Amino acid sequence: MQKKLKLWDAIMLVMGSMIGSGIFIVSADMMRNLGSGYWLIIVWIITGIMTVAAAISYGELSSIFPKAGGQYTYLTEIFGKKMGFLYGWGLFTVIQTGTIAAVAMAFGKFTAYLVPWLNYSDPIFQSGEFQITYIQILAIFVILLLTYINTRGVESGKLLQNLFTGSKILALLGLIALGFILVDFSHLAENFSFGTDAFNNLNKDSKGNFLKTGWESISGMALLGGIAAAMVGSVFSSVAWESVTFVSGEIENPKKNVVKAMILGTSAVMLLYIAVNFVYLNALDRDSIAFAANERVAVTASQSIFGNAGTIIIAVLVMISTFGCNNGLILAGARVFQTMAKDGLFFKSAIKNNKNQVPENALWMQGIWASVLCLSGQYGNLLDMISFVIVLFYMITVFGVIYLRIKKPDLERPYKTWLYPITPFVYLFIGTCFCVLLLIYKQQYTWPGFLMVLIGLPVYYLINRKK
């Protein structure tokens, strides 16, 4: 593969793939689970520590295996083809493609702010609860457009990635600054005054909607359950940074630049996320965050900051953010499926590069399946179910750093995990707590995704039946 991506391009890929639609939405659900500005910030800090610790740990593996495929390659090299395939299976069926579909749909929904008829027009097709809307068609168009652009060569995708990632970083910095300058009345002290015992036990009406009454202080394991439930949102907003490892084969000096990109990119994004949440807490009271219309807390905050123009400003920002995010996901994901194909674990046609030296067939396979998920309308449910599995695979990969240190201590390591073994153990500890608490309190987020990945086992044996 041609080394056309420099360190700056890799950092932009990390940041662009992470910043999608989540940061503009998930804080509403998090506040309903937490009930306090204090705990909202604490959960984002925990997620930040967790994310950066994983990135630091992955750096060691990226220096040992500096080739395309990233996490799939690490898992295959350390634990064998079966583990690698299960990750790749999950990545293709829902992790990467489901995220692409969800981000594209977020682009469509926020476009509807600027073009209202997208929201109010009748479905193109409807049969029972299944329907095809113009927003879905717009989402599919964006996926296919970005897929086509990336088939034109890695430089086309790189240019688009740098442009849109740079734009949304500047826009977020502007939102953070103006979120403190233009707000007439600060709710920051009020939101932090609820302190450490401001968790809630919210009631629902007959339609399943949250009632704006019923905040109750809870403690003990219920408090930990609230933190775990809230972390589903913050973790979802903080994944995809590992996409840069998928394109290691096209990065200059990957043994050094991949780890630098992951650490610098994840650290910068998590600081931005925490600052944006301070803006929400400054501009809005607790109920306005928790019960923001359609979960769009960024829209509500933007209206408080900028007045009536706020809706348009935030809609444009989210459109830029989601468009750039999807470009990064599409660019990186196809490289994993190409590597799997070379190992005999994916369609053989995905191996071939086109005249522009990119895996065109793998790109289109990924784009078409993501489009199908858009039409199905099930991408949101799938992503909720898969959050548990994403963290499990992160944990297995981070454990791989410790496993290799024990099994192959003499292996050449151009980069060694900073503060080893503390850093990987910090991630494994937080990740284990998160997964165990979800198993106790939010089973709907756990076993369906785990089952989906396990379905990959018979597929693996079917592919390898002649071996």
Protein backbone atom coordinates (compact mmCIF):
# COMPACT_ATOMS: atom_id res chain seq x y z
CA MET A 1 0.00 0.00 0.00
CA GLN A 2 1.12 3.55 -0.72
CA LYS A 3 2.10 5.66 2.32
CA LYS A 4 -0.01 8.75 1.60
CA LEU A 5 -1.20 9.63 5.12
CA LYS A 6 1.01 11.81 7.34
CA LEU A 7 0.78 12.24 11.13
CA TRP A 8 -1.60 15.22 10.81
CA ASP A 9 -3.88 13.19 8.51
CA ALA A 10 -3.91 10.34 11.04
CA ILE A 11 -4.82 12.71 13.90
CA MET A 12 -7.64 14.20 11.80
CA LEU A 13 -8.90 10.66 11.09
CA VAL A 14 -8.95 9.83 14.82
CA MET A 15 -10.75 13.05 15.79
CA GLY A 16 -13.07 13.04 12.79
CA SER A 17 -14.15 9.43 13.36
CA MET A 18 -14.87 10.08 17.04
CA ILE A 19 -16.83 13.34 16.72
CA GLY A 20 -20.12 12.43 15.07
CA SER A 21 -23.63 13.00 16.38
CA GLY A 22 -23.29 11.54 19.91
CA ILE A 23 -21.93 14.60 21.71
CA PHE A 24 -24.93 16.63 20.51
CA ILE A 25 -27.51 14.11 21.76
CA VAL A 26 -26.42 11.65 24.48
CA SER A 27 -26.12 14.11 27.38
CA ALA A 28 -29.92 14.22 27.65
CA ASP A 29 -30.21 10.51 28.43
CA MET A 30 -27.12 10.73 30.64
CA MET A 31 -28.71 13.49 32.72
CA ARG A 32 -31.88 11.41 33.14
CA ASN A 33 -29.72 8.61 34.54
CA LEU A 34 -27.58 10.89 36.69
CA GLY A 35 -29.65 13.92 37.71
CA SER A 36 -26.62 16.07 38.50
CA GLY A 37 -24.11 18.23 36.65
CA TYR A 38 -21.48 16.93 39.04
CA TRP A 39 -22.00 13.32 37.99
CA LEU A 40 -22.44 14.21 34.32
CA ILE A 41 -18.91 15.65 34.24
CA ILE A 42 -17.52 12.78 36.36
CA VAL A 43 -18.89 10.19 33.89
CA TRP A 44 -17.35 12.05 30.94
CA ILE A 45 -14.01 12.19 32.80
CA ILE A 46 -14.19 8.43 33.54
CA THR A 47 -14.93 7.77 29.87
CA GLY A 48 -12.04 10.04 28.88
CA ILE A 49 -9.57 8.20 31.15
CA MET A 50 -10.87 4.90 29.82
CA THR A 51 -10.55 5.97 26.16
CA VAL A 52 -7.05 7.47 26.43
CA ALA A 53 -5.82 4.45 28.46
CA ALA A 54 -7.02 2.16 25.67
CA ALA A 55 -5.34 4.34 23.02
CA ILE A 56 -2.03 4.30 24.93
CA SER A 57 -2.23 0.50 25.23
CA TYR A 58 -3.16 0.02 21.56
CA GLY A 59 -0.04 2.03 20.68
CA GLU A 60 2.21 -0.84 21.67
CA LEU A 61 0.30 -3.25 19.42
CA SER A 62 0.30 -0.77 16.53
CA SER A 63 4.11 -0.57 16.72
CA ILE A 64 4.45 -4.37 16.76
CA PHE A 65 1.95 -4.94 13.91
CA PRO A 66 2.20 -1.80 11.73
CA LYS A 67 -0.03 -3.03 8.91
CA ALA A 68 -3.57 -2.67 7.61
CA GLY A 69 -6.40 -4.25 9.61
CA GLY A 70 -5.64 -2.71 13.00
CA GLN A 71 -7.62 -4.28 15.81
CA TYR A 72 -8.59 -7.26 13.63
CA THR A 73 -4.89 -7.90 12.94
CA TYR A 74 -3.94 -7.56 16.62
CA LEU A 75 -6.61 -10.04 17.75
CA THR A 76 -5.73 -12.50 14.97
CA GLU A 77 -1.97 -12.35 15.63
CA ILE A 78 -2.35 -12.70 19.41
CA PHE A 79 -5.39 -14.98 19.90
CA GLY A 80 -5.84 -16.68 16.52
CA LYS A 81 -8.08 -16.42 13.45
CA LYS A 82 -11.29 -17.34 15.28
CA MET A 83 -11.10 -14.35 17.63
CA GLY A 84 -10.10 -12.08 14.75
CA PHE A 85 -13.04 -13.28 12.67
CA LEU A 86 -15.56 -12.75 15.47
CA TYR A 87 -14.38 -9.14 15.76
CA GLY A 88 -14.46 -8.68 11.98
CA TRP A 89 -17.91 -10.28 11.81
CA GLY A 90 -19.23 -7.89 14.46
CA LEU A 91 -17.52 -4.98 12.71
CA PHE A 92 -19.16 -5.71 9.34
CA THR A 93 -22.61 -6.73 10.56
CA VAL A 94 -23.17 -3.80 12.91
CA ILE A 95 -20.24 -2.07 14.68
CA GLN A 96 -18.81 -0.19 11.68
CA THR A 97 -21.77 -0.36 9.30
CA GLY A 98 -24.35 0.33 12.03
CA THR A 99 -22.37 3.38 13.14
CA ILE A 100 -22.15 4.58 9.53
CA ALA A 101 -25.94 4.17 9.20
CA ALA A 102 -26.67 5.95 12.50
CA VAL A 103 -24.37 8.87 11.70
CA ALA A 104 -25.85 9.21 8.20
CA MET A 105 -29.36 9.24 9.66
CA ALA A 106 -28.29 11.94 12.13
CA PHE A 107 -27.10 13.97 9.12
CA GLY A 108 -30.53 13.51 7.54
CA LYS A 109 -32.47 14.42 10.68
CA PHE A 110 -30.52 17.62 11.28
CA THR A 111 -30.80 18.53 7.58
CA ALA A 112 -34.55 18.41 8.19
CA TYR A 113 -34.14 21.48 10.44
CA LEU A 114 -33.07 23.44 7.38
CA VAL A 115 -35.47 21.67 4.99
CA PRO A 116 -38.63 21.07 7.09
CA TRP A 117 -40.58 19.17 4.42
CA LEU A 118 -38.17 16.26 4.96
CA ASN A 119 -39.77 15.84 8.38
CA TYR A 120 -43.39 16.31 7.37
CA SER A 121 -43.62 14.63 3.96
CA ASP A 122 -45.42 11.30 3.73
CA PRO A 123 -43.25 8.15 3.64
CA ILE A 124 -42.22 7.00 0.15
CA PHE A 125 -43.28 3.48 1.15
CA GLN A 126 -45.02 2.08 4.21
CA SER A 127 -46.12 -1.39 5.24
CA GLY A 128 -47.19 -1.68 8.86
CA GLU A 129 -44.42 -0.18 11.01
CA PHE A 130 -41.83 -0.48 8.24
CA GLN A 131 -41.42 2.67 6.20
CA ILE A 132 -39.00 4.38 3.85
CA THR A 133 -38.72 8.15 4.28
CA TYR A 134 -36.89 10.91 2.44
CA ILE A 135 -34.52 11.23 5.41
CA GLN A 136 -33.49 7.59 4.96
CA ILE A 137 -32.96 8.16 1.24
CA LEU A 138 -30.80 11.22 2.00
CA ALA A 139 -28.76 9.17 4.51
CA ILE A 140 -28.19 6.44 1.91
CA PHE A 141 -27.20 9.07 -0.68
CA VAL A 142 -24.56 10.45 1.72
CA ILE A 143 -23.18 6.94 2.40
CA LEU A 144 -22.95 6.11 -1.31
CA LEU A 145 -21.49 9.54 -2.19
CA LEU A 146 -18.74 9.21 0.44
CA THR A 147 -18.09 5.62 -0.65
CA TYR A 148 -17.66 6.80 -4.25
CA ILE A 149 -15.31 9.64 -3.20
CA ASN A 150 -13.16 7.16 -1.30
CA THR A 151 -12.92 4.87 -4.33
CA ARG A 152 -11.17 7.75 -6.12
CA GLY A 153 -8.09 7.25 -3.97
CA VAL A 154 -6.93 7.75 -0.39
CA GLU A 155 -5.93 11.35 -1.14
CA SER A 156 -9.56 12.25 -1.98
CA GLY A 157 -10.76 10.80 1.32
CA LYS A 158 -7.87 12.45 3.18
CA LEU A 159 -8.64 15.91 1.76
CA LEU A 160 -12.33 15.60 2.67
CA GLN A 161 -11.47 14.30 6.15
CA ASN A 162 -9.07 17.12 6.97
CA LEU A 163 -11.48 19.78 5.67
CA PHE A 164 -14.54 18.61 7.61
CA THR A 165 -12.69 17.62 10.79
CA GLY A 166 -10.91 20.98 10.90
CA SER A 167 -14.23 22.78 10.34
CA LYS A 168 -16.06 20.98 13.15
CA ILE A 169 -13.20 21.42 15.62
CA LEU A 170 -13.21 25.18 14.98
CA ALA A 171 -17.02 25.25 15.22
CA LEU A 172 -16.98 23.34 18.54
CA LEU A 173 -14.34 25.70 19.94
CA GLY A 174 -16.55 28.61 18.91
CA LEU A 175 -19.59 27.01 20.56
CA ILE A 176 -17.59 26.46 23.77
CA ALA A 177 -16.36 30.05 23.91
CA LEU A 178 -19.70 31.66 23.05
CA GLY A 179 -21.51 29.27 25.39
CA PHE A 180 -19.98 31.18 28.29
CA ILE A 181 -19.84 34.67 26.76
CA LEU A 182 -23.39 35.03 25.35
CA VAL A 183 -25.48 33.24 27.99
CA ASP A 184 -27.55 35.74 29.99
CA PHE A 185 -28.04 33.53 33.05
CA SER A 186 -25.63 30.77 34.09
CA HIS A 187 -27.09 27.52 35.44
CA LEU A 188 -23.67 26.10 36.28
CA ALA A 189 -23.82 26.60 40.07
CA GLU A 190 -27.42 25.32 40.15
CA ASN A 191 -26.57 22.15 38.21
CA PHE A 192 -23.59 21.40 40.45
CA SER A 193 -25.53 22.17 43.64
CA PHE A 194 -27.36 18.83 43.43
CA GLY A 195 -24.07 17.30 44.52
CA THR A 196 -23.26 13.64 44.85
CA ASP A 197 -26.74 12.45 45.86
CA ALA A 198 -28.75 13.84 42.97
CA PHE A 199 -29.43 10.62 41.12
CA ASN A 200 -32.93 10.04 39.91
CA ASN A 201 -35.61 7.41 39.78
CA LEU A 202 -37.73 8.94 37.03
CA ASN A 203 -41.26 7.75 36.41
CA LYS A 204 -42.85 7.17 32.99
CA ASP A 205 -46.36 7.84 31.76
CA SER A 206 -48.60 5.26 30.03
CA LYS A 207 -46.84 5.97 26.69
CA GLY A 208 -43.38 5.35 28.13
CA ASN A 209 -42.40 9.03 28.17
CA PHE A 210 -40.31 10.32 31.10
CA LEU A 211 -42.19 12.54 33.54
CA LYS A 212 -40.58 15.81 34.59
CA THR A 213 -41.13 14.94 38.22
CA GLY A 214 -39.82 12.20 40.39
CA TRP A 215 -36.16 13.09 40.93
CA GLU A 216 -35.03 10.97 43.88
CA SER A 217 -31.67 10.56 45.55
CA ILE A 218 -30.37 6.99 45.39
CA SER A 219 -27.11 5.41 46.50
CA GLY A 220 -25.14 2.18 46.67
CA MET A 221 -25.38 -0.24 43.75
CA ALA A 222 -28.28 1.70 42.24
CA LEU A 223 -25.96 4.70 41.96
CA LEU A 224 -23.36 2.56 40.18
CA GLY A 225 -26.09 1.26 37.88
CA GLY A 226 -26.97 4.84 37.00
CA ILE A 227 -23.34 5.55 36.13
CA ALA A 228 -23.13 2.43 33.93
CA ALA A 229 -26.37 3.30 32.12
CA ALA A 230 -25.13 6.85 31.51
CA MET A 231 -21.80 5.55 30.23
CA VAL A 232 -23.54 3.76 27.36
CA GLY A 233 -24.02 7.21 25.82
CA SER A 234 -20.56 8.58 26.58
CA VAL A 235 -18.83 5.37 25.44
CA PHE A 236 -20.83 5.36 22.18
CA SER A 237 -19.69 8.95 21.56
CA SER A 238 -16.06 8.05 22.23
CA VAL A 239 -15.50 4.98 20.04
CA ALA A 240 -14.12 4.66 16.49
CA TRP A 241 -10.74 6.22 17.38
CA GLU A 242 -9.20 2.83 16.55
CA SER A 243 -10.21 3.37 12.91
CA VAL A 244 -6.76 4.87 12.34
CA THR A 245 -5.22 1.44 13.01
CA PHE A 246 -7.26 0.02 10.12
CA VAL A 247 -5.25 2.15 7.66
CA SER A 248 -1.81 1.61 9.24
CA GLY A 249 -0.53 0.29 5.91
CA GLU A 250 -1.11 3.71 4.32
CA ILE A 251 0.41 5.89 7.09
CA GLU A 252 3.98 7.18 6.94
CA ASN A 253 6.17 5.61 9.65
CA PRO A 254 3.23 3.71 11.21
CA LYS A 255 5.34 2.36 14.10
CA LYS A 256 5.46 5.90 15.53
CA ASN A 257 2.69 7.91 13.88
CA VAL A 258 -0.24 5.59 14.63
CA VAL A 259 0.32 5.70 18.40
CA LYS A 260 0.92 9.47 18.34
CA ALA A 261 -2.32 9.98 16.39
CA MET A 262 -4.35 7.83 18.79
CA ILE A 263 -3.06 9.45 21.97
CA LEU A 264 -3.17 13.06 20.72
CA GLY A 265 -6.50 12.60 18.93
CA THR A 266 -8.38 10.87 21.77
CA SER A 267 -7.03 13.31 24.40
CA ALA A 268 -8.09 16.35 22.35
CA VAL A 269 -11.58 14.98 21.65
CA MET A 270 -12.27 14.04 25.26
CA LEU A 271 -11.25 17.54 26.41
CA LEU A 272 -13.62 19.01 23.80
CA TYR A 273 -16.44 16.70 24.98
CA ILE A 274 -16.01 17.73 28.62
CA ALA A 275 -15.94 21.42 27.64
CA VAL A 276 -19.12 21.05 25.54
CA ASN A 277 -20.91 19.48 28.51
CA PHE A 278 -19.87 22.44 30.66
CA VAL A 279 -21.58 24.61 28.00
CA TYR A 280 -24.79 22.57 28.35
CA LEU A 281 -24.64 22.92 32.14
CA ASN A 282 -24.00 26.65 31.85
CA ALA A 283 -26.77 27.36 29.32
CA LEU A 284 -29.54 25.04 30.59
CA ASP A 285 -31.05 23.85 33.85
CA ARG A 286 -31.25 20.18 34.76
CA ASP A 287 -34.72 19.52 33.33
CA SER A 288 -33.94 21.33 30.08
CA ILE A 289 -30.96 19.01 29.53
CA ALA A 290 -32.74 15.82 30.61
CA PHE A 291 -35.94 16.49 28.65
CA ALA A 292 -34.56 18.26 25.58
CA ALA A 293 -36.93 17.81 22.62
CA ASN A 294 -36.04 14.66 20.64
CA GLU A 295 -32.90 14.25 22.83
CA ARG A 296 -31.27 17.14 20.93
CA VAL A 297 -29.72 18.88 23.92
CA ALA A 298 -27.28 20.77 21.67
CA VAL A 299 -30.20 22.39 19.83
CA THR A 300 -31.83 23.49 23.10
CA ALA A 301 -28.52 24.87 24.40
CA SER A 302 -27.82 26.63 21.10
CA GLN A 303 -31.22 28.33 21.20
CA SER A 304 -30.39 29.61 24.70
CA ILE A 305 -27.00 30.90 23.51
CA PHE A 306 -27.81 32.29 20.05
CA GLY A 307 -31.58 32.83 20.19
CA ASN A 308 -33.74 31.82 17.21
CA ALA A 309 -30.67 31.43 14.99
CA GLY A 310 -29.42 28.69 17.32
CA THR A 311 -31.33 25.92 15.58
CA ILE A 312 -29.76 26.73 12.22
CA ILE A 313 -26.27 27.10 13.70
CA ILE A 314 -26.34 23.75 15.47
CA ALA A 315 -27.99 22.00 12.49
CA VAL A 316 -25.16 23.14 10.21
CA LEU A 317 -22.56 22.14 12.82
CA VAL A 318 -24.03 18.63 13.18
CA MET A 319 -24.26 18.26 9.40
CA ILE A 320 -20.55 19.12 9.08
CA SER A 321 -19.71 16.84 12.00
CA THR A 322 -21.64 13.79 10.80
CA PHE A 323 -20.50 14.16 7.18
CA GLY A 324 -16.84 14.24 8.21
CA CYS A 325 -17.31 11.46 10.76
CA ASN A 326 -18.83 9.14 8.17
CA ASN A 327 -16.04 9.83 5.71
CA GLY A 328 -13.50 8.63 8.29
CA LEU A 329 -15.54 5.52 9.16
CA ILE A 330 -16.02 4.61 5.49
CA LEU A 331 -12.36 5.24 4.59
CA ALA A 332 -11.03 3.08 7.43
CA GLY A 333 -13.56 0.24 7.73
CA ALA A 334 -13.06 -1.19 4.24
CA ARG A 335 -9.36 -1.85 4.98
CA VAL A 336 -10.33 -4.37 7.67
CA PHE A 337 -12.59 -6.31 5.33
CA GLN A 338 -9.85 -6.36 2.69
CA THR A 339 -7.39 -7.78 5.26
CA MET A 340 -9.97 -10.40 6.31
CA ALA A 341 -10.41 -11.39 2.67
CA LYS A 342 -6.64 -11.89 2.33
CA ASP A 343 -6.88 -14.27 5.31
CA GLY A 344 -9.68 -16.21 3.59
CA LEU A 345 -12.35 -14.91 6.02
CA PHE A 346 -14.30 -12.54 3.77
CA PHE A 347 -15.44 -12.34 0.13
CA LYS A 348 -12.42 -12.88 -2.15
CA SER A 349 -13.40 -9.96 -4.38
CA ALA A 350 -12.65 -7.60 -1.45
CA ILE A 351 -8.92 -8.31 -1.80
CA LYS A 352 -8.35 -6.40 -5.01
CA ASN A 353 -7.32 -2.74 -5.13
CA ASN A 354 -8.59 -0.60 -8.00
CA LYS A 355 -6.41 1.61 -10.23
CA ASN A 356 -6.42 4.26 -7.46
CA GLN A 357 -4.85 1.76 -5.03
CA VAL A 358 -7.88 1.50 -2.72
CA PRO A 359 -10.10 -1.55 -1.94
CA GLU A 360 -13.07 -0.48 -4.08
CA ASN A 361 -15.06 -3.71 -3.75
CA ALA A 362 -14.70 -3.73 0.05
CA LEU A 363 -15.81 -0.08 0.13
CA TRP A 364 -18.97 -0.84 -1.85
CA MET A 365 -19.80 -3.95 0.21
CA GLN A 366 -19.56 -1.87 3.38
CA GLY A 367 -21.60 0.99 1.86
CA ILE A 368 -24.39 -1.26 0.56
CA TRP A 369 -24.82 -3.08 3.90
CA ALA A 370 -24.83 0.22 5.81
CA SER A 371 -27.53 1.44 3.39
CA VAL A 372 -29.61 -1.68 4.10
CA LEU A 373 -29.36 -0.93 7.83
CA CYS A 374 -30.59 2.61 7.10
CA LEU A 375 -33.64 1.19 5.33
CA SER A 376 -34.29 -1.33 8.11
CA GLY A 377 -34.48 1.41 10.72
CA GLN A 378 -32.85 -0.97 13.23
CA TYR A 379 -29.38 0.62 13.39
CA GLY A 380 -30.18 2.48 16.65
CA ASN A 381 -31.33 -0.67 18.45
CA LEU A 382 -28.35 -2.59 17.09
CA LEU A 383 -25.90 0.01 18.35
CA ASP A 384 -27.48 0.04 21.81
CA MET A 385 -27.09 -3.72 21.94
CA ILE A 386 -23.51 -3.71 20.66
CA SER A 387 -22.01 -1.13 23.09
CA PHE A 388 -21.30 -3.94 25.55
CA VAL A 389 -19.55 -6.00 22.86
CA ILE A 390 -17.47 -3.05 21.62
CA VAL A 391 -16.05 -2.59 25.13
CA LEU A 392 -15.48 -6.36 25.45
CA PHE A 393 -13.38 -6.38 22.28
CA TYR A 394 -11.47 -3.33 23.51
CA MET A 395 -10.77 -5.19 26.75
CA ILE A 396 -9.59 -8.34 24.95
CA THR A 397 -7.26 -6.24 22.78
CA VAL A 398 -5.85 -4.31 25.76
CA PHE A 399 -5.36 -7.62 27.58
CA GLY A 400 -3.38 -8.68 24.51
CA VAL A 401 -0.68 -6.16 25.49
CA ILE A 402 -0.22 -7.92 28.86
CA TYR A 403 -0.47 -11.38 27.26
CA LEU A 404 2.29 -10.60 24.72
CA ARG A 405 4.55 -9.14 27.43
CA ILE A 406 4.32 -12.49 29.27
CA LYS A 407 4.38 -14.85 26.27
CA LYS A 408 6.87 -12.97 24.07
CA PRO A 409 8.95 -10.70 26.29
CA ASP A 410 11.75 -10.46 23.68
CA LEU A 411 9.47 -9.24 20.87
CA GLU A 412 10.65 -5.97 19.33
CA ARG A 413 8.52 -3.10 20.68
CA PRO A 414 9.33 0.24 19.00
CA TYR A 415 6.82 1.82 21.42
CA LYS A 416 6.05 0.53 24.90
CA THR A 417 2.83 1.34 26.75
CA TRP A 418 3.31 4.36 28.99
CA LEU A 419 3.09 3.51 32.72
CA TYR A 420 2.76 -0.23 31.98
CA PRO A 421 1.13 -2.21 33.60
CA ILE A 422 -0.93 0.53 35.28
CA THR A 423 -2.42 1.91 32.05
CA PRO A 424 -3.87 -1.36 30.66
CA PHE A 425 -5.07 -2.37 34.13
CA VAL A 426 -6.91 0.97 34.50
CA TYR A 427 -8.77 0.29 31.27
CA LEU A 428 -9.51 -3.34 32.18
CA PHE A 429 -10.79 -2.32 35.63
CA ILE A 430 -13.13 0.42 34.33
CA GLY A 431 -14.26 -1.75 31.40
CA THR A 432 -15.01 -4.72 33.70
CA CYS A 433 -17.04 -2.52 36.08
CA PHE A 434 -18.97 -1.09 33.13
CA CYS A 435 -19.78 -4.52 31.66
CA VAL A 436 -20.70 -6.14 35.01
CA LEU A 437 -23.01 -3.26 35.95
CA LEU A 438 -24.72 -3.43 32.55
CA LEU A 439 -25.23 -7.18 33.04
CA ILE A 440 -26.90 -6.45 36.38
CA TYR A 441 -28.98 -3.38 35.54
CA LYS A 442 -29.32 -3.07 31.74
CA GLN A 443 -29.43 -6.55 30.24
CA GLN A 444 -31.06 -5.18 27.08
CA TYR A 445 -27.67 -3.58 26.28
CA THR A 446 -25.72 -6.82 26.76
CA TRP A 447 -26.92 -10.26 25.71
CA PRO A 448 -28.49 -9.36 22.30
CA GLY A 449 -25.20 -7.88 21.05
CA PHE A 450 -23.20 -10.76 22.54
CA LEU A 451 -25.55 -13.22 20.81
CA MET A 452 -25.13 -11.36 17.52
CA VAL A 453 -21.35 -11.80 17.68
CA LEU A 454 -21.67 -15.49 18.68
CA ILE A 455 -23.71 -16.09 15.50
CA GLY A 456 -20.37 -15.52 13.79
CA LEU A 457 -19.07 -18.84 15.18
CA PRO A 458 -21.11 -21.13 12.87
CA VAL A 459 -20.27 -18.76 10.00
CA TYR A 460 -16.57 -19.15 10.83
CA TYR A 461 -16.82 -22.94 10.87
CA LEU A 462 -18.77 -22.89 7.61
CA ILE A 463 -16.05 -20.81 5.92
CA ASN A 464 -13.34 -23.12 7.28
CA ARG A 465 -15.21 -26.43 6.86
CA LYS A 466 -12.62 -27.77 4.34
CA LYS A 467 -9.67 -27.03 6.64
